[in-house]
Amino acid sequence: MKKFLSLRSHLTYPILLILALACTKDPVTPEDTETLIRNAVDAGDIPSVAACIIKNDQIVWNYSYGFADINQGTRASEETIYTLASISKVVTATAVMQLFEQDEIDLDEDINQYLSFPVRNPHYPDEKITPRMLLTHRSGLAWPNDEDPDFYETYPNDSASPLFPWIKEYIVPGGSEYVSRIWKLIPPGAYELYSNIGASLLGHLVEAVSGEDFNEYCKSHIFQPLDMFDTSFKLADLDINKVALPYNNEGRTYNHYSVKFYPSTTLRTSTNDFSHFLLAFINGGVYNGNRILRESSVDEMLRQHYPDSQFGLIWFSFSDGWYGHGGGFRGIRTEADFNREEKIGFFVFSNGEDGSVNRGGLIYNLLKAEVDTYR
């Protein structure tokens, strides 16, 4: 049974790995990449990682290493279900865009047209907030960080309060859970400020317009059409024995948890399932003959909407035709990128807090080097 390793030097070892890569004349082979990732996982005291590369409508490389549950000795595999943290937001945005396609949502209309309660930045009460502003993180709602540390409280299993009416009580002045500092002194649409609150409000927008619970909507309109049967925002829908436990950097588990703002962070899925979702975006909204979005909607989600920002609609737009999103929360680090023109994508999930999984980190860079051998 694996136990967390004693703390090693987190400077010397990664440097040696990077030098090894830099000095290699030939492309990194799958075996080399697996060894390097395994060594990086052990050096970072990471419980497990699961990584996947997709190319031309199929998985071309899939690798899992470590333990989904350390105490039980449960090894990670391609069937292990990981929590995605902020990558969850791209699913929330997809649900919004489906309703946009049905003319149920106008991206530039006042969201108050769709909600049962008024939403206004109290500093700018006469200025509307639109779905596009929420999708591009320009609503004026805080992340939040220092504004409300209690926002990130977790609850055992699925016991967090429902999204509604919590979201109303939290963002409307006078609400039972209202925190005034979540509204910034920023006019709606004027400035980019990444917001977990804003993305959660998008989840309720889907509920208000569709008349369905947000998680149930995603199951019916996104996960089932994409054959994502090990995917849900709720633990009750999943085989709990497949779900990786989240761990902190000291090797202690947080146990399975839920949060009130769940459309922003608690999507759970396997590498096989998530490959279907990413392939749908690579292929203009279609996976295995099933369309979840029009190609024009995918284009709209991926284009940069403001010259001073890398954001499309929730998705980040990077250089050289790459798009992606990352995530990090308690016991979770994730990253997912894809290139539509080259029909290639990759992602990596972890049930630990080491940042080497995220963009620019050691494990991310090792995986990206393997991706380059398929281009």
Protein backbone atom coordinates (compact mmCIF):
# COMPACT_ATOMS: atom_id res chain seq x y z
CA MET A 1 0.00 0.00 0.00
CA LYS A 2 1.39 3.37 -0.94
CA LYS A 3 2.04 5.88 1.80
CA PHE A 4 3.04 9.46 1.13
CA LEU A 5 6.77 9.76 0.68
CA SER A 6 8.87 11.82 3.03
CA LEU A 7 9.34 15.32 1.74
CA ARG A 8 12.04 15.47 -0.90
CA SER A 9 13.71 18.44 -2.48
CA HIS A 10 11.08 20.01 -4.74
CA LEU A 11 13.75 22.03 -6.51
CA THR A 12 16.53 19.64 -7.46
CA TYR A 13 14.43 16.77 -8.75
CA PRO A 14 12.20 18.76 -11.17
CA ILE A 15 15.29 20.54 -12.51
CA LEU A 16 16.94 17.20 -13.28
CA LEU A 17 13.84 16.02 -15.12
CA ILE A 18 13.67 19.20 -17.19
CA LEU A 19 17.37 18.91 -18.06
CA ALA A 20 16.81 15.32 -19.10
CA LEU A 21 14.06 16.39 -21.46
CA ALA A 22 16.10 19.26 -22.85
CA CYS A 23 19.07 17.01 -23.60
CA THR A 24 17.02 14.32 -25.37
CA LYS A 25 17.48 14.52 -29.13
CA ASP A 26 14.71 12.07 -30.03
CA PRO A 27 11.01 12.64 -29.25
CA VAL A 28 9.89 11.42 -25.86
CA THR A 29 8.46 7.91 -26.21
CA PRO A 30 5.31 6.80 -24.34
CA GLU A 31 7.43 4.69 -22.00
CA ASP A 32 9.73 7.63 -21.27
CA THR A 33 6.79 9.92 -20.59
CA GLU A 34 5.12 7.45 -18.26
CA THR A 35 8.34 7.02 -16.30
CA LEU A 36 8.92 10.75 -16.02
CA ILE A 37 5.35 11.42 -14.92
CA ARG A 38 5.51 8.59 -12.40
CA ASN A 39 8.73 10.03 -10.96
CA ALA A 40 7.21 13.51 -10.83
CA VAL A 41 4.11 12.20 -9.04
CA ASP A 42 6.26 10.46 -6.44
CA ALA A 43 8.50 13.49 -6.00
CA GLY A 44 5.51 15.74 -5.47
CA ASP A 45 3.81 13.39 -3.01
CA ILE A 46 0.74 13.40 -5.29
CA PRO A 47 -1.77 10.60 -4.60
CA SER A 48 -2.54 9.95 -8.28
CA VAL A 49 -2.86 11.41 -11.75
CA ALA A 50 -4.83 10.35 -14.80
CA ALA A 51 -3.79 11.79 -18.16
CA CYS A 52 -5.20 11.37 -21.66
CA ILE A 53 -4.37 12.45 -25.21
CA ILE A 54 -7.00 12.43 -27.97
CA LYS A 55 -6.34 12.74 -31.68
CA ASN A 56 -8.69 12.38 -34.66
CA ASP A 57 -11.74 11.19 -32.73
CA GLN A 58 -10.02 8.67 -30.49
CA ILE A 59 -7.89 8.24 -27.41
CA VAL A 60 -4.29 7.69 -28.51
CA TRP A 61 -2.64 7.72 -25.09
CA ASN A 62 -4.14 7.11 -21.66
CA TYR A 63 -2.17 6.80 -18.44
CA SER A 64 -3.06 6.50 -14.77
CA TYR A 65 -0.72 6.20 -11.83
CA GLY A 66 -1.03 6.24 -8.06
CA PHE A 67 -3.91 5.72 -5.66
CA ALA A 68 -7.47 6.98 -5.82
CA ASP A 69 -7.83 5.92 -2.17
CA ILE A 70 -4.59 5.50 -0.27
CA ASN A 71 -5.92 3.76 2.84
CA GLN A 72 -7.93 1.23 0.82
CA GLY A 73 -5.10 0.72 -1.65
CA THR A 74 -7.39 1.55 -4.59
CA ARG A 75 -5.26 2.21 -7.66
CA ALA A 76 -6.15 4.89 -10.18
CA SER A 77 -7.29 3.70 -13.59
CA GLU A 78 -9.00 4.99 -16.70
CA GLU A 79 -12.30 4.30 -14.90
CA THR A 80 -11.40 6.42 -11.85
CA ILE A 81 -13.69 9.40 -11.45
CA TYR A 82 -12.02 12.71 -10.58
CA THR A 83 -13.46 16.03 -9.47
CA LEU A 84 -12.65 18.69 -12.07
CA ALA A 85 -12.79 21.93 -10.01
CA SER A 86 -13.07 24.94 -12.34
CA ILE A 87 -13.11 22.90 -15.55
CA SER A 88 -16.71 22.31 -14.41
CA LYS A 89 -17.47 25.81 -15.69
CA VAL A 90 -17.10 24.82 -19.35
CA VAL A 91 -20.00 22.38 -18.90
CA THR A 92 -22.06 25.13 -17.26
CA ALA A 93 -21.31 27.41 -20.22
CA THR A 94 -22.29 24.64 -22.64
CA ALA A 95 -25.70 24.37 -20.96
CA VAL A 96 -26.20 28.13 -21.31
CA MET A 97 -25.29 28.00 -24.99
CA GLN A 98 -27.77 25.19 -25.63
CA LEU A 99 -30.54 27.44 -24.34
CA PHE A 100 -29.14 30.30 -26.41
CA GLU A 101 -29.48 28.13 -29.52
CA GLN A 102 -33.14 27.54 -28.66
CA ASP A 103 -33.71 31.33 -28.43
CA GLU A 104 -34.47 30.89 -24.74
CA ILE A 105 -31.53 33.09 -23.70
CA ASP A 106 -30.22 36.26 -25.32
CA LEU A 107 -26.57 36.65 -24.35
CA ASP A 108 -26.87 40.44 -24.28
CA GLU A 109 -30.22 40.73 -22.50
CA ASP A 110 -30.63 41.71 -18.85
CA ILE A 111 -30.49 38.47 -16.81
CA ASN A 112 -33.38 39.82 -14.75
CA GLN A 113 -35.60 38.96 -17.70
CA TYR A 114 -35.03 35.28 -16.87
CA LEU A 115 -34.70 35.18 -13.08
CA SER A 116 -37.33 35.24 -10.34
CA PHE A 117 -35.30 37.77 -8.30
CA PRO A 118 -33.51 41.00 -9.24
CA VAL A 119 -29.74 40.98 -9.77
CA ARG A 120 -27.94 44.30 -9.80
CA ASN A 121 -24.57 45.49 -8.60
CA PRO A 122 -25.69 47.78 -5.75
CA HIS A 123 -22.92 50.24 -6.70
CA TYR A 124 -24.43 50.51 -10.23
CA PRO A 125 -28.16 49.80 -9.74
CA ASP A 126 -29.21 51.13 -13.14
CA GLU A 127 -26.81 49.02 -15.22
CA LYS A 128 -27.87 45.62 -16.45
CA ILE A 129 -25.85 42.43 -16.09
CA THR A 130 -26.04 40.07 -19.07
CA PRO A 131 -25.30 36.38 -19.63
CA ARG A 132 -22.33 37.38 -21.80
CA MET A 133 -20.88 39.38 -18.91
CA LEU A 134 -21.18 36.34 -16.64
CA LEU A 135 -19.64 34.09 -19.30
CA THR A 136 -16.66 36.43 -19.74
CA HIS A 137 -16.23 37.15 -16.00
CA ARG A 138 -17.23 40.82 -16.35
CA SER A 139 -20.30 41.00 -14.12
CA GLY A 140 -18.69 42.83 -11.19
CA LEU A 141 -19.10 39.82 -8.89
CA ALA A 142 -16.01 38.90 -6.89
CA TRP A 143 -13.98 35.70 -7.22
CA PRO A 144 -14.24 35.74 -4.10
CA ASN A 145 -10.94 35.53 -2.23
CA ASP A 146 -10.57 37.84 0.75
CA GLU A 147 -14.12 39.12 0.27
CA ASP A 148 -15.68 36.01 1.83
CA PRO A 149 -13.47 33.10 2.94
CA ASP A 150 -16.59 31.25 4.15
CA PHE A 151 -17.79 31.00 0.54
CA TYR A 152 -15.60 27.91 0.12
CA GLU A 153 -17.03 25.93 3.01
CA THR A 154 -17.49 22.26 2.14
CA TYR A 155 -20.17 19.82 3.27
CA PRO A 156 -20.06 15.99 3.52
CA ASN A 157 -21.07 14.13 0.36
CA ASP A 158 -24.07 15.87 -1.30
CA SER A 159 -25.30 17.68 1.81
CA ALA A 160 -24.63 21.28 0.69
CA SER A 161 -27.69 23.50 0.34
CA PRO A 162 -29.41 23.53 -3.08
CA LEU A 163 -28.21 26.11 -5.58
CA PHE A 164 -31.55 27.89 -5.26
CA PRO A 165 -32.55 29.65 -3.06
CA TRP A 166 -28.96 29.92 -1.76
CA ILE A 167 -27.77 31.93 -4.78
CA LYS A 168 -30.57 34.46 -4.31
CA GLU A 169 -29.91 34.86 -0.58
CA TYR A 170 -26.20 35.28 -1.25
CA ILE A 171 -26.10 37.91 -3.98
CA VAL A 172 -29.21 40.05 -3.33
CA PRO A 173 -28.79 42.82 -0.71
CA GLY A 174 -30.79 41.93 2.39
CA GLY A 175 -30.57 38.19 1.72
CA SER A 176 -30.01 35.84 4.65
CA GLU A 177 -26.48 34.99 3.43
CA TYR A 178 -25.65 38.28 1.74
CA VAL A 179 -22.04 39.50 1.84
CA SER A 180 -21.80 43.07 0.53
CA ARG A 181 -18.13 42.76 -0.44
CA ILE A 182 -18.89 40.28 -3.21
CA TRP A 183 -20.00 43.23 -5.36
CA LYS A 184 -16.98 45.15 -6.60
CA LEU A 185 -16.71 48.82 -7.47
CA ILE A 186 -16.61 47.89 -11.14
CA PRO A 187 -19.35 48.74 -13.65
CA PRO A 188 -20.84 45.65 -15.31
CA GLY A 189 -18.92 44.77 -18.46
CA ALA A 190 -16.03 47.14 -17.78
CA TYR A 191 -13.41 44.87 -16.27
CA GLU A 192 -12.54 41.18 -16.15
CA LEU A 193 -12.71 39.59 -12.71
CA TYR A 194 -12.80 35.80 -12.56
CA SER A 195 -15.83 34.78 -10.52
CA ASN A 196 -17.00 31.49 -9.05
CA ILE A 197 -20.14 33.30 -7.96
CA GLY A 198 -20.88 34.47 -11.48
CA ALA A 199 -20.46 30.98 -12.93
CA SER A 200 -22.79 29.59 -10.26
CA LEU A 201 -25.37 32.21 -11.18
CA LEU A 202 -25.13 30.89 -14.75
CA GLY A 203 -26.05 27.46 -13.38
CA HIS A 204 -29.19 28.91 -11.83
CA LEU A 205 -29.93 30.78 -15.06
CA VAL A 206 -30.10 27.36 -16.74
CA GLU A 207 -32.53 26.21 -14.04
CA ALA A 208 -34.71 29.29 -14.31
CA VAL A 209 -35.00 29.11 -18.10
CA SER A 210 -35.26 25.33 -18.55
CA GLY A 211 -37.36 24.59 -15.48
CA GLU A 212 -34.99 21.72 -14.63
CA ASP A 213 -32.56 21.19 -11.79
CA PHE A 214 -29.12 22.17 -13.10
CA ASN A 215 -27.49 18.78 -12.55
CA GLU A 216 -30.46 16.97 -14.09
CA TYR A 217 -30.38 19.31 -17.08
CA CYS A 218 -26.71 18.52 -17.71
CA LYS A 219 -27.32 14.78 -17.39
CA SER A 220 -30.16 14.83 -19.93
CA HIS A 221 -28.80 17.32 -22.45
CA ILE A 222 -25.00 16.91 -22.25
CA PHE A 223 -23.81 13.77 -20.48
CA GLN A 224 -26.26 11.22 -21.85
CA PRO A 225 -25.94 12.37 -25.51
CA LEU A 226 -22.15 12.14 -25.13
CA ASP A 227 -22.22 8.67 -23.52
CA MET A 228 -20.78 10.13 -20.31
CA PHE A 229 -22.33 7.67 -17.87
CA ASP A 230 -19.71 8.11 -15.14
CA THR A 231 -20.19 11.88 -15.00
CA SER A 232 -22.24 14.08 -12.69
CA PHE A 233 -22.14 17.11 -10.41
CA LYS A 234 -23.64 14.91 -7.66
CA LEU A 235 -22.00 11.96 -5.91
CA ALA A 236 -25.35 10.15 -5.59
CA ASP A 237 -25.34 9.55 -9.36
CA LEU A 238 -21.97 7.78 -9.30
CA ASP A 239 -20.36 4.59 -8.07
CA ILE A 240 -18.67 6.03 -4.98
CA ASN A 241 -16.04 3.29 -5.11
CA LYS A 242 -14.78 4.74 -8.40
CA VAL A 243 -14.49 8.35 -7.16
CA ALA A 244 -10.99 9.44 -6.17
CA LEU A 245 -10.69 10.88 -2.68
CA PRO A 246 -9.18 14.39 -2.55
CA TYR A 247 -6.02 14.85 -0.45
CA ASN A 248 -4.09 17.82 0.91
CA ASN A 249 -0.33 18.20 0.66
CA GLU A 250 0.16 16.45 4.00
CA GLY A 251 -1.57 13.32 2.73
CA ARG A 252 -4.80 13.79 4.68
CA THR A 253 -8.06 13.30 2.84
CA TYR A 254 -10.81 15.89 2.75
CA ASN A 255 -13.26 13.02 2.21
CA HIS A 256 -15.99 13.45 -0.40
CA TYR A 257 -17.63 16.85 -0.22
CA SER A 258 -20.08 19.23 -1.85
CA VAL A 259 -20.33 23.03 -2.05
CA LYS A 260 -23.22 25.45 -2.49
CA PHE A 261 -21.70 26.95 -5.65
CA TYR A 262 -21.41 23.56 -7.35
CA PRO A 263 -21.85 24.56 -11.05
CA SER A 264 -18.41 26.16 -10.71
CA THR A 265 -16.44 23.26 -9.29
CA THR A 266 -17.81 19.79 -8.46
CA LEU A 267 -18.24 18.09 -11.83
CA ARG A 268 -16.90 14.55 -11.50
CA THR A 269 -15.88 12.42 -14.49
CA SER A 270 -13.44 9.81 -15.79
CA THR A 271 -10.81 10.25 -18.48
CA ASN A 272 -12.86 8.12 -20.89
CA ASP A 273 -16.00 10.19 -20.32
CA PHE A 274 -14.29 13.55 -20.51
CA SER A 275 -12.59 12.60 -23.77
CA HIS A 276 -16.10 12.51 -25.32
CA PHE A 277 -16.81 16.06 -24.14
CA LEU A 278 -13.51 17.42 -25.43
CA LEU A 279 -13.90 15.63 -28.77
CA ALA A 280 -17.30 17.30 -29.17
CA PHE A 281 -15.63 20.71 -28.96
CA ILE A 282 -12.81 19.69 -31.28
CA ASN A 283 -15.42 18.53 -33.82
CA GLY A 284 -17.62 21.61 -33.69
CA GLY A 285 -20.20 20.32 -31.21
CA VAL A 286 -20.53 16.65 -32.29
CA TYR A 287 -19.40 13.38 -30.72
CA ASN A 288 -20.17 9.98 -32.26
CA GLY A 289 -22.94 11.47 -34.39
CA ASN A 290 -24.64 13.22 -31.47
CA ARG A 291 -24.67 17.01 -31.58
CA ILE A 292 -24.77 18.98 -28.34
CA LEU A 293 -23.97 22.40 -29.88
CA ARG A 294 -24.00 24.03 -33.28
CA GLU A 295 -20.57 24.73 -34.71
CA SER A 296 -21.38 28.44 -34.67
CA SER A 297 -21.98 28.20 -30.90
CA VAL A 298 -18.62 26.48 -30.40
CA ASP A 299 -17.02 29.27 -32.43
CA GLU A 300 -18.72 31.86 -30.24
CA MET A 301 -17.52 30.16 -27.06
CA LEU A 302 -13.91 30.04 -28.24
CA ARG A 303 -13.39 33.45 -29.80
CA GLN A 304 -11.86 36.22 -27.72
CA HIS A 305 -14.65 38.63 -26.85
CA TYR A 306 -12.46 41.47 -25.58
CA PRO A 307 -9.05 42.55 -26.89
CA ASP A 308 -7.63 42.83 -23.37
CA SER A 309 -8.60 39.27 -22.39
CA GLN A 310 -7.82 35.64 -23.20
CA PHE A 311 -11.38 34.61 -22.37
CA GLY A 312 -13.91 33.36 -24.82
CA LEU A 313 -17.14 32.29 -23.11
CA ILE A 314 -15.60 30.60 -20.05
CA TRP A 315 -12.98 28.81 -22.21
CA PHE A 316 -9.54 30.42 -22.36
CA SER A 317 -8.18 31.22 -25.81
CA PHE A 318 -4.42 30.75 -25.91
CA SER A 319 -1.90 31.25 -28.72
CA ASP A 320 -1.41 29.07 -31.79
CA GLY A 321 -4.97 27.78 -31.91
CA TRP A 322 -5.09 26.25 -28.43
CA TYR A 323 -8.00 26.54 -26.00
CA GLY A 324 -8.39 25.26 -22.48
CA HIS A 325 -9.25 25.61 -18.82
CA GLY A 326 -7.68 24.57 -15.55
CA GLY A 327 -8.92 23.93 -12.07
CA GLY A 328 -7.84 23.75 -8.47
CA PHE A 329 -9.72 23.34 -5.20
CA ARG A 330 -9.37 21.30 -2.01
CA GLY A 331 -7.51 18.15 -2.98
CA ILE A 332 -7.92 18.77 -6.71
CA ARG A 333 -5.73 19.97 -9.58
CA THR A 334 -6.82 19.62 -13.23
CA GLU A 335 -5.98 20.95 -16.69
CA ALA A 336 -7.51 20.44 -20.17
CA ASP A 337 -6.36 21.88 -23.55
CA PHE A 338 -7.28 21.26 -27.18
CA ASN A 339 -6.53 22.45 -30.71
CA ARG A 340 -9.45 22.31 -33.14
CA GLU A 341 -7.41 22.79 -36.31
CA GLU A 342 -5.08 19.91 -35.44
CA LYS A 343 -7.91 17.83 -33.92
CA ILE A 344 -5.87 17.07 -30.85
CA GLY A 345 -6.39 17.56 -27.14
CA PHE A 346 -5.12 16.44 -23.76
CA PHE A 347 -6.00 16.67 -20.11
CA VAL A 348 -4.69 15.63 -16.72
CA PHE A 349 -6.59 15.10 -13.47
CA SER A 350 -5.19 14.74 -9.94
CA ASN A 351 -6.59 14.12 -6.47
CA GLY A 352 -3.83 16.16 -4.85
CA GLU A 353 -2.90 19.82 -4.52
CA ASP A 354 0.49 19.93 -6.23
CA GLY A 355 0.46 22.62 -8.91
CA SER A 356 2.71 20.67 -11.29
CA VAL A 357 -0.46 19.36 -12.95
CA ASN A 358 -1.55 22.85 -13.99
CA ARG A 359 -0.46 24.84 -17.02
CA GLY A 360 3.29 25.48 -16.94
CA GLY A 361 3.91 22.89 -14.21
CA LEU A 362 6.26 19.93 -14.56
CA ILE A 363 3.66 17.20 -15.13
CA TYR A 364 1.73 19.43 -17.54
CA ASN A 365 4.93 20.09 -19.51
CA LEU A 366 5.81 16.39 -19.63
CA LEU A 367 2.36 15.62 -20.99
CA LYS A 368 2.57 18.46 -23.50
CA ALA A 369 5.90 17.07 -24.76
CA GLU A 370 4.17 13.73 -25.35
CA VAL A 371 1.32 15.51 -27.14
CA ASP A 372 3.81 17.10 -29.52
CA THR A 373 4.85 13.64 -30.77
CA TYR A 374 1.32 13.17 -32.12
CA ARG A 375 1.15 16.51 -33.97
